[in-house]
Every structure is written in C-alpha cells, then in structure tokens.
C-alpha cells in the first residue's frame, strides 16, 4: 500500500509543474515537476513490485522536492510552492519511516 502515496505525489508534481508553467511560463517548473514526478512514479513501481530501494528513492524525491520548493515557498509565499513543500515534507517523513522499517525489520 505504500506505493499509493508515491503515485499520488507523482501526479501532484506533474500538475504543480504544469501550473508553474501556465502561470509564469516557467519551463524549469515544468521540467522539474515532470522529472520529480517521474522519480516518484518509478519509486512507486519499485515499491509495488517489492523491489529494493523503492522507499529510499521516494525519500530522495521528497528531499529534492523540499529542497527545490522550500526556499521558493519562503521567498514568494505563493500557494503552489507552499503546498508542494508541505507535501514534500510529509512525504519525506513517511518514506523515511518506511525505509527505516525496511532496513530494521520493524
């Protein structure tokens, strides 16, 4: 079941990047949203197929999302960066817990 949040985050990243592009014609937003979304999707595939490092990959995508959107959220106070950085934080916490459980057999 832990693959569902990865797929959800993949979709939200793509939508967030598309919104960034539509509002400000920001091609980097579109590319970053699609790229991070692809990493989340791949992580979801690995988790769903019980392959190694799926949770760690989702954690890395969450950290990347937070690293990209956190400063922008603080600087602009715009709704999309705030939402994406909040989701990145929540996703990072969730996948850090899942990766820990995988490694330590909890």
Protein backbone atom coordinates (compact mmCIF):
# COMPACT_ATOMS: atom_id res chain seq x y z
CA UNK A 1 0.00 0.00 0.00
CA UNK A 2 2.92 2.38 0.41
CA UNK A 3 3.13 2.75 -3.36
CA UNK A 4 -0.09 4.81 -3.45
CA UNK A 5 1.46 7.95 -1.91
CA UNK A 6 4.32 7.75 -4.44
CA UNK A 7 1.88 7.64 -7.35
CA UNK A 8 -0.14 10.48 -5.81
CA UNK A 9 2.99 12.59 -5.37
CA UNK A 10 3.99 11.83 -8.97
CA UNK A 11 0.70 13.23 -10.22
CA UNK A 12 0.82 16.24 -7.92
CA UNK A 13 4.36 17.11 -9.01
CA UNK A 14 3.40 16.99 -12.67
CA UNK A 15 0.32 19.14 -12.00
CA UNK A 16 2.36 21.57 -9.88
CA UNK A 17 4.95 21.90 -12.64
CA UNK A 18 2.22 22.47 -15.20
CA UNK A 19 0.66 25.17 -13.02
CA UNK A 20 4.06 26.84 -12.65
CA UNK A 21 4.46 26.79 -16.40
CA UNK A 22 0.94 28.05 -17.08
CA UNK A 23 1.17 30.93 -14.60
CA UNK A 24 4.67 32.17 -15.28
CA UNK A 25 5.78 30.44 -18.49
CA UNK A 26 8.45 28.80 -16.35
CA UNK A 27 9.94 25.95 -18.36
CA UNK A 28 12.13 24.92 -15.38
CA UNK A 29 8.96 24.40 -13.31
CA UNK A 30 7.52 22.14 -15.97
CA UNK A 31 10.74 20.13 -16.38
CA UNK A 32 11.32 19.84 -12.63
CA UNK A 33 7.71 18.82 -11.97
CA UNK A 34 7.84 16.17 -14.67
CA UNK A 35 11.28 14.97 -13.55
CA UNK A 36 10.47 14.66 -9.86
CA UNK A 37 7.11 13.15 -10.79
CA UNK A 38 8.92 10.53 -12.87
CA UNK A 39 11.17 9.66 -9.93
CA UNK A 40 8.12 9.26 -7.67
CA UNK A 41 6.41 7.10 -10.30
CA UNK A 42 9.50 4.88 -10.64
CA UNK A 43 9.73 4.60 -6.85
CA UNK A 44 6.06 3.60 -6.76
CA UNK A 45 6.74 0.90 -9.34
CA UNK A 46 9.66 -0.46 -7.30
CA UNK A 47 7.60 -0.44 -4.09
CA UNK A 48 4.62 -2.11 -5.77
CA UNK A 49 6.85 -4.85 -7.22
CA UNK A 50 8.65 -5.40 -3.89
CA UNK A 51 11.99 -4.36 -5.37
CA UNK A 52 14.84 -2.89 -3.36
CA UNK A 53 15.28 0.82 -2.71
CA UNK A 54 11.76 1.94 -3.63
CA UNK A 55 11.20 3.73 -0.33
CA UNK A 56 14.66 5.25 -0.43
CA UNK A 57 14.05 6.53 -3.94
CA UNK A 58 10.75 8.08 -2.87
CA UNK A 59 12.56 9.65 0.09
CA UNK A 60 15.17 11.10 -2.26
CA UNK A 61 12.44 12.54 -4.50
CA UNK A 62 10.78 14.05 -1.42
CA UNK A 63 14.05 15.64 -0.31
CA UNK A 64 14.61 17.00 -3.80
CA UNK A 65 11.09 18.42 -3.90
CA UNK A 66 11.50 20.01 -0.49
CA UNK A 67 14.92 21.39 -1.41
CA UNK A 68 13.54 22.97 -4.58
CA UNK A 69 10.22 24.25 -3.27
CA UNK A 70 11.03 25.14 0.35
CA UNK A 71 13.13 28.22 -0.37
CA UNK A 72 10.71 29.34 -3.08
CA UNK A 73 7.77 28.94 -0.68
CA UNK A 74 9.54 31.07 1.94
CA UNK A 75 10.55 33.70 -0.61
CA UNK A 76 7.29 34.07 -2.57
CA UNK A 77 4.61 32.82 -0.16
CA UNK A 78 2.74 31.58 -3.25
CA UNK A 79 0.16 28.79 -2.80
CA UNK A 80 1.71 26.20 -5.14
CA UNK A 81 5.25 26.31 -3.65
CA UNK A 82 3.83 26.25 -0.12
CA UNK A 83 1.62 23.27 -0.93
CA UNK A 84 4.37 21.36 -2.71
CA UNK A 85 6.93 21.99 0.05
CA UNK A 86 4.41 20.88 2.69
CA UNK A 87 3.65 17.71 0.71
CA UNK A 88 7.38 17.13 0.23
CA UNK A 89 7.91 17.37 3.99
CA UNK A 90 5.07 14.97 4.77
CA UNK A 91 6.21 12.55 2.07
CA UNK A 92 9.81 12.67 3.30
CA UNK A 93 8.70 11.84 6.84
CA UNK A 94 6.53 8.96 5.62
CA UNK A 95 9.16 7.43 3.37
CA UNK A 96 11.93 7.91 5.95
CA UNK A 97 9.81 5.85 8.34
CA UNK A 98 9.13 3.20 5.67
CA UNK A 99 12.81 2.99 4.68
CA UNK A 100 13.76 2.59 8.34
CA UNK A 101 11.19 -0.17 8.76
CA UNK A 102 12.53 -1.95 5.67
CA UNK A 103 16.12 -1.83 6.90
CA UNK A 104 15.45 -2.74 10.52
CA UNK A 105 12.58 -5.20 10.10
CA UNK A 106 10.05 -3.26 12.13
